[in-house]
Amino acid sequence: RPFSAVPFYDTRPVELRKVPSDCHITYRGVRYSIDPCAVGQTVVVRSDTDRVGSSFSVFMNDQVVASHTQHPKGSRPVTLTQHALTIKNLCAKNPRSVRNTGKTSHFLQLDDQVIIGEPFILPTPQVEVRSLSVYESIAREANR
């Protein structure tokens, strides 16, 4: 069989990361941006080498969701322009989903929809406050 007929097999080392709500994964001590569509998903990181300046790619299934150049450990977070633009466009489409708190936006993925805003908070349940004597009388009746 000719060499060109042999399918390509990627032998680079694989590392798995779960994309948090701020759309940045940590790789070799630096935070790198990921496309917001990957929030909540597990992605595969494949690097050409371990050296600073080499490139690495981030895959979700077979789709590339980010390609970065490695920075020295401890560098500031790296956000790609296209990711920043996607985030900005999502904010523009749904302005009520982002609170003007001066903090970095958080993301939440529900099914196939990315929601921008504060982390998801469930409403606090309403609790009825009763006197302890009510519970004592219930306990007395139960013991009869």
C-alpha atoms as a PDB file:
ATOM      1  CA  ARG A   1       0.000   0.000   0.000  1.00  0.00           C
ATOM      2  CA  PRO A   2       1.411   3.437  -0.808  1.00  0.00           C
ATOM      3  CA  PHE A   3       2.297   5.657   2.141  1.00  0.00           C
ATOM      4  CA  SER A   4      -0.185   8.343   1.023  1.00  0.00           C
ATOM      5  CA  ALA A   5      -3.019   5.819   1.433  1.00  0.00           C
ATOM      6  CA  VAL A   6      -2.261   5.304   5.133  1.00  0.00           C
ATOM      7  CA  PRO A   7      -4.560   7.525   7.221  1.00  0.00           C
ATOM      8  CA  PHE A   8      -2.993  10.132   9.487  1.00  0.00           C
ATOM      9  CA  TYR A   9      -2.861   9.181  13.155  1.00  0.00           C
ATOM     10  CA  ASP A  10      -2.135  11.948  15.653  1.00  0.00           C
ATOM     11  CA  THR A  11       0.471  10.654  18.109  1.00  0.00           C
ATOM     12  CA  ARG A  12       0.853  13.849  20.133  1.00  0.00           C
ATOM     13  CA  PRO A  13       0.196  13.504  23.890  1.00  0.00           C
ATOM     14  CA  VAL A  14      -3.385  14.182  24.958  1.00  0.00           C
ATOM     15  CA  GLU A  15      -4.538  16.165  27.991  1.00  0.00           C
ATOM     16  CA  LEU A  16      -8.190  16.584  28.952  1.00  0.00           C
ATOM     17  CA  ARG A  17      -9.694  19.750  30.394  1.00  0.00           C
ATOM     18  CA  LYS A  18     -13.237  20.722  31.350  1.00  0.00           C
ATOM     19  CA  VAL A  19     -14.052  24.245  30.137  1.00  0.00           C
ATOM     20  CA  PRO A  20     -15.230  26.385  33.074  1.00  0.00           C
ATOM     21  CA  SER A  21     -17.773  29.177  32.903  1.00  0.00           C
ATOM     22  CA  ASP A  22     -15.183  31.879  32.208  1.00  0.00           C
ATOM     23  CA  CYS A  23     -14.148  30.177  28.906  1.00  0.00           C
ATOM     24  CA  HIS A  24     -10.477  29.802  29.888  1.00  0.00           C
ATOM     25  CA  ILE A  25      -8.656  26.532  30.537  1.00  0.00           C
ATOM     26  CA  THR A  26      -5.376  26.233  32.391  1.00  0.00           C
ATOM     27  CA  TYR A  27      -2.570  24.631  30.403  1.00  0.00           C
ATOM     28  CA  ARG A  28       0.995  24.488  31.720  1.00  0.00           C
ATOM     29  CA  GLY A  29       0.362  27.245  34.275  1.00  0.00           C
ATOM     30  CA  VAL A  30      -1.325  29.758  31.949  1.00  0.00           C
ATOM     31  CA  ARG A  31      -5.034  30.394  31.287  1.00  0.00           C
ATOM     32  CA  TYR A  32      -6.048  30.284  27.604  1.00  0.00           C
ATOM     33  CA  SER A  33      -9.395  31.250  26.055  1.00  0.00           C
ATOM     34  CA  ILE A  34     -11.692  28.692  24.471  1.00  0.00           C
ATOM     35  CA  ASP A  35     -14.704  29.268  22.229  1.00  0.00           C
ATOM     36  CA  PRO A  36     -17.788  29.800  24.453  1.00  0.00           C
ATOM     37  CA  CYS A  37     -19.577  26.917  22.695  1.00  0.00           C
ATOM     38  CA  ALA A  38     -17.322  24.560  24.696  1.00  0.00           C
ATOM     39  CA  VAL A  39     -18.369  25.752  28.162  1.00  0.00           C
ATOM     40  CA  GLY A  40     -19.119  22.783  30.403  1.00  0.00           C
ATOM     41  CA  GLN A  41     -17.642  20.331  27.903  1.00  0.00           C
ATOM     42  CA  THR A  42     -14.496  18.235  28.170  1.00  0.00           C
ATOM     43  CA  VAL A  43     -11.928  19.235  25.563  1.00  0.00           C
ATOM     44  CA  VAL A  44      -8.716  17.603  24.344  1.00  0.00           C
ATOM     45  CA  VAL A  45      -5.461  19.588  24.372  1.00  0.00           C
ATOM     46  CA  ARG A  46      -2.730  18.468  21.948  1.00  0.00           C
ATOM     47  CA  SER A  47       0.644  20.193  21.904  1.00  0.00           C
ATOM     48  CA  ASP A  48       3.409  19.955  19.293  1.00  0.00           C
ATOM     49  CA  THR A  49       6.130  20.198  21.974  1.00  0.00           C
ATOM     50  CA  ASP A  50       6.485  21.220  25.617  1.00  0.00           C
ATOM     51  CA  ARG A  51       8.526  24.334  24.787  1.00  0.00           C
ATOM     52  CA  VAL A  52       7.409  27.939  25.209  1.00  0.00           C
ATOM     53  CA  GLY A  53       6.541  29.389  21.807  1.00  0.00           C
ATOM     54  CA  SER A  54       5.298  26.114  20.346  1.00  0.00           C
ATOM     55  CA  SER A  55       1.670  25.822  19.326  1.00  0.00           C
ATOM     56  CA  PHE A  56      -1.099  23.705  20.748  1.00  0.00           C
ATOM     57  CA  SER A  57      -4.677  23.054  19.726  1.00  0.00           C
ATOM     58  CA  VAL A  58      -7.825  22.425  21.726  1.00  0.00           C
ATOM     59  CA  PHE A  59     -10.449  20.063  20.286  1.00  0.00           C
ATOM     60  CA  MET A  60     -14.072  19.448  21.180  1.00  0.00           C
ATOM     61  CA  ASN A  61     -14.983  16.193  19.438  1.00  0.00           C
ATOM     62  CA  ASP A  62     -13.224  16.653  16.076  1.00  0.00           C
ATOM     63  CA  GLN A  63     -13.639  20.436  15.963  1.00  0.00           C
ATOM     64  CA  VAL A  64     -10.810  22.847  16.850  1.00  0.00           C
ATOM     65  CA  VAL A  65     -12.150  25.315  19.430  1.00  0.00           C
ATOM     66  CA  ALA A  66      -8.816  27.095  20.035  1.00  0.00           C
ATOM     67  CA  SER A  67      -5.236  27.258  18.767  1.00  0.00           C
ATOM     68  CA  HIS A  68      -2.674  29.010  20.930  1.00  0.00           C
ATOM     69  CA  THR A  69       1.056  29.573  21.287  1.00  0.00           C
ATOM     70  CA  GLN A  70       2.480  28.444  24.623  1.00  0.00           C
ATOM     71  CA  HIS A  71       3.494  31.244  27.000  1.00  0.00           C
ATOM     72  CA  PRO A  72       5.838  30.987  30.009  1.00  0.00           C
ATOM     73  CA  LYS A  73       4.280  29.563  33.169  1.00  0.00           C
ATOM     74  CA  GLY A  74       2.701  32.310  35.270  1.00  0.00           C
ATOM     75  CA  SER A  75       1.935  34.585  32.297  1.00  0.00           C
ATOM     76  CA  ARG A  76      -1.251  36.618  32.213  1.00  0.00           C
ATOM     77  CA  PRO A  77      -4.369  34.953  30.743  1.00  0.00           C
ATOM     78  CA  VAL A  78      -4.378  34.747  26.943  1.00  0.00           C
ATOM     79  CA  THR A  79      -7.661  35.580  25.184  1.00  0.00           C
ATOM     80  CA  LEU A  80      -7.836  35.228  21.409  1.00  0.00           C
ATOM     81  CA  THR A  81      -9.460  38.068  19.476  1.00  0.00           C
ATOM     82  CA  GLN A  82     -12.067  35.790  17.887  1.00  0.00           C
ATOM     83  CA  HIS A  83     -13.100  34.474  21.314  1.00  0.00           C
ATOM     84  CA  ALA A  84     -13.377  38.011  22.688  1.00  0.00           C
ATOM     85  CA  LEU A  85     -15.491  38.983  19.661  1.00  0.00           C
ATOM     86  CA  THR A  86     -17.765  35.956  20.094  1.00  0.00           C
ATOM     87  CA  ILE A  87     -18.246  36.813  23.746  1.00  0.00           C
ATOM     88  CA  LYS A  88     -18.939  40.456  22.860  1.00  0.00           C
ATOM     89  CA  ASN A  89     -21.484  39.421  20.183  1.00  0.00           C
ATOM     90  CA  LEU A  90     -23.248  37.089  22.612  1.00  0.00           C
ATOM     91  CA  CYS A  91     -23.429  39.936  25.125  1.00  0.00           C
ATOM     92  CA  ALA A  92     -24.877  42.257  22.460  1.00  0.00           C
ATOM     93  CA  LYS A  93     -27.579  39.725  21.519  1.00  0.00           C
ATOM     94  CA  ASN A  94     -28.708  39.301  25.106  1.00  0.00           C
ATOM     95  CA  PRO A  95     -27.791  42.452  27.088  1.00  0.00           C
ATOM     96  CA  ARG A  96     -29.969  41.491  30.072  1.00  0.00           C
ATOM     97  CA  SER A  97     -27.878  38.384  30.660  1.00  0.00           C
ATOM     98  CA  VAL A  98     -24.806  40.369  31.730  1.00  0.00           C
ATOM     99  CA  ARG A  99     -24.907  42.300  34.962  1.00  0.00           C
ATOM    100  CA  ASN A 100     -22.915  45.485  35.063  1.00  0.00           C
ATOM    101  CA  THR A 101     -20.824  44.499  38.061  1.00  0.00           C
ATOM    102  CA  GLY A 102     -17.411  45.361  36.670  1.00  0.00           C
ATOM    103  CA  LYS A 103     -16.404  41.708  36.974  1.00  0.00           C
ATOM    104  CA  THR A 104     -15.530  39.308  34.197  1.00  0.00           C
ATOM    105  CA  SER A 105     -18.619  37.785  32.594  1.00  0.00           C
ATOM    106  CA  HIS A 106     -19.411  34.209  33.481  1.00  0.00           C
ATOM    107  CA  PHE A 107     -20.947  31.693  31.140  1.00  0.00           C
ATOM    108  CA  LEU A 108     -23.362  28.864  31.668  1.00  0.00           C
ATOM    109  CA  GLN A 109     -24.280  26.272  29.068  1.00  0.00           C
ATOM    110  CA  LEU A 110     -27.715  24.727  29.144  1.00  0.00           C
ATOM    111  CA  ASP A 111     -28.125  22.090  26.419  1.00  0.00           C
ATOM    112  CA  ASP A 112     -26.873  23.807  23.256  1.00  0.00           C
ATOM    113  CA  GLN A 113     -27.449  27.393  24.425  1.00  0.00           C
ATOM    114  CA  VAL A 114     -24.722  29.507  26.006  1.00  0.00           C
ATOM    115  CA  ILE A 115     -25.975  31.998  28.563  1.00  0.00           C
ATOM    116  CA  ILE A 116     -23.796  34.892  29.608  1.00  0.00           C
ATOM    117  CA  GLY A 117     -24.094  36.353  33.058  1.00  0.00           C
ATOM    118  CA  GLU A 118     -23.447  35.586  36.676  1.00  0.00           C
ATOM    119  CA  PRO A 119     -23.068  31.964  37.720  1.00  0.00           C
ATOM    120  CA  PHE A 120     -26.413  30.178  37.880  1.00  0.00           C
ATOM    121  CA  ILE A 121     -28.040  30.638  41.263  1.00  0.00           C
ATOM    122  CA  LEU A 122     -31.174  28.778  42.285  1.00  0.00           C
ATOM    123  CA  PRO A 123     -33.813  30.802  44.118  1.00  0.00           C
ATOM    124  CA  THR A 124     -33.780  30.485  47.894  1.00  0.00           C
ATOM    125  CA  PRO A 125     -36.717  28.376  49.130  1.00  0.00           C
ATOM    126  CA  GLN A 126     -39.216  30.037  51.427  1.00  0.00           C
ATOM    127  CA  VAL A 127     -39.113  28.558  54.933  1.00  0.00           C
ATOM    128  CA  GLU A 128     -41.879  28.962  57.468  1.00  0.00           C
ATOM    129  CA  VAL A 129     -40.635  29.973  60.911  1.00  0.00           C
ATOM    130  CA  ARG A 130     -42.439  28.224  63.768  1.00  0.00           C
ATOM    131  CA  SER A 131     -42.169  28.233  67.509  1.00  0.00           C
ATOM    132  CA  LEU A 132     -40.353  25.282  69.075  1.00  0.00           C
ATOM    133  CA  SER A 133     -43.494  24.490  71.072  1.00  0.00           C
ATOM    134  CA  VAL A 134     -45.246  23.450  67.827  1.00  0.00           C
ATOM    135  CA  TYR A 135     -42.634  20.744  67.254  1.00  0.00           C
ATOM    136  CA  GLU A 136     -42.803  19.647  70.892  1.00  0.00           C
ATOM    137  CA  SER A 137     -46.561  19.140  70.656  1.00  0.00           C
ATOM    138  CA  ILE A 138     -46.152  17.121  67.418  1.00  0.00           C
ATOM    139  CA  ALA A 139     -43.543  14.936  69.141  1.00  0.00           C
ATOM    140  CA  ARG A 140     -45.834  14.388  72.144  1.00  0.00           C
ATOM    141  CA  GLU A 141     -48.718  13.258  69.917  1.00  0.00           C
ATOM    142  CA  ALA A 142     -46.425  10.917  67.988  1.00  0.00           C
ATOM    143  CA  ASN A 143     -45.282   9.238  71.230  1.00  0.00           C
ATOM    144  CA  ARG A 144     -48.842   8.462  72.407  1.00  0.00           C
END
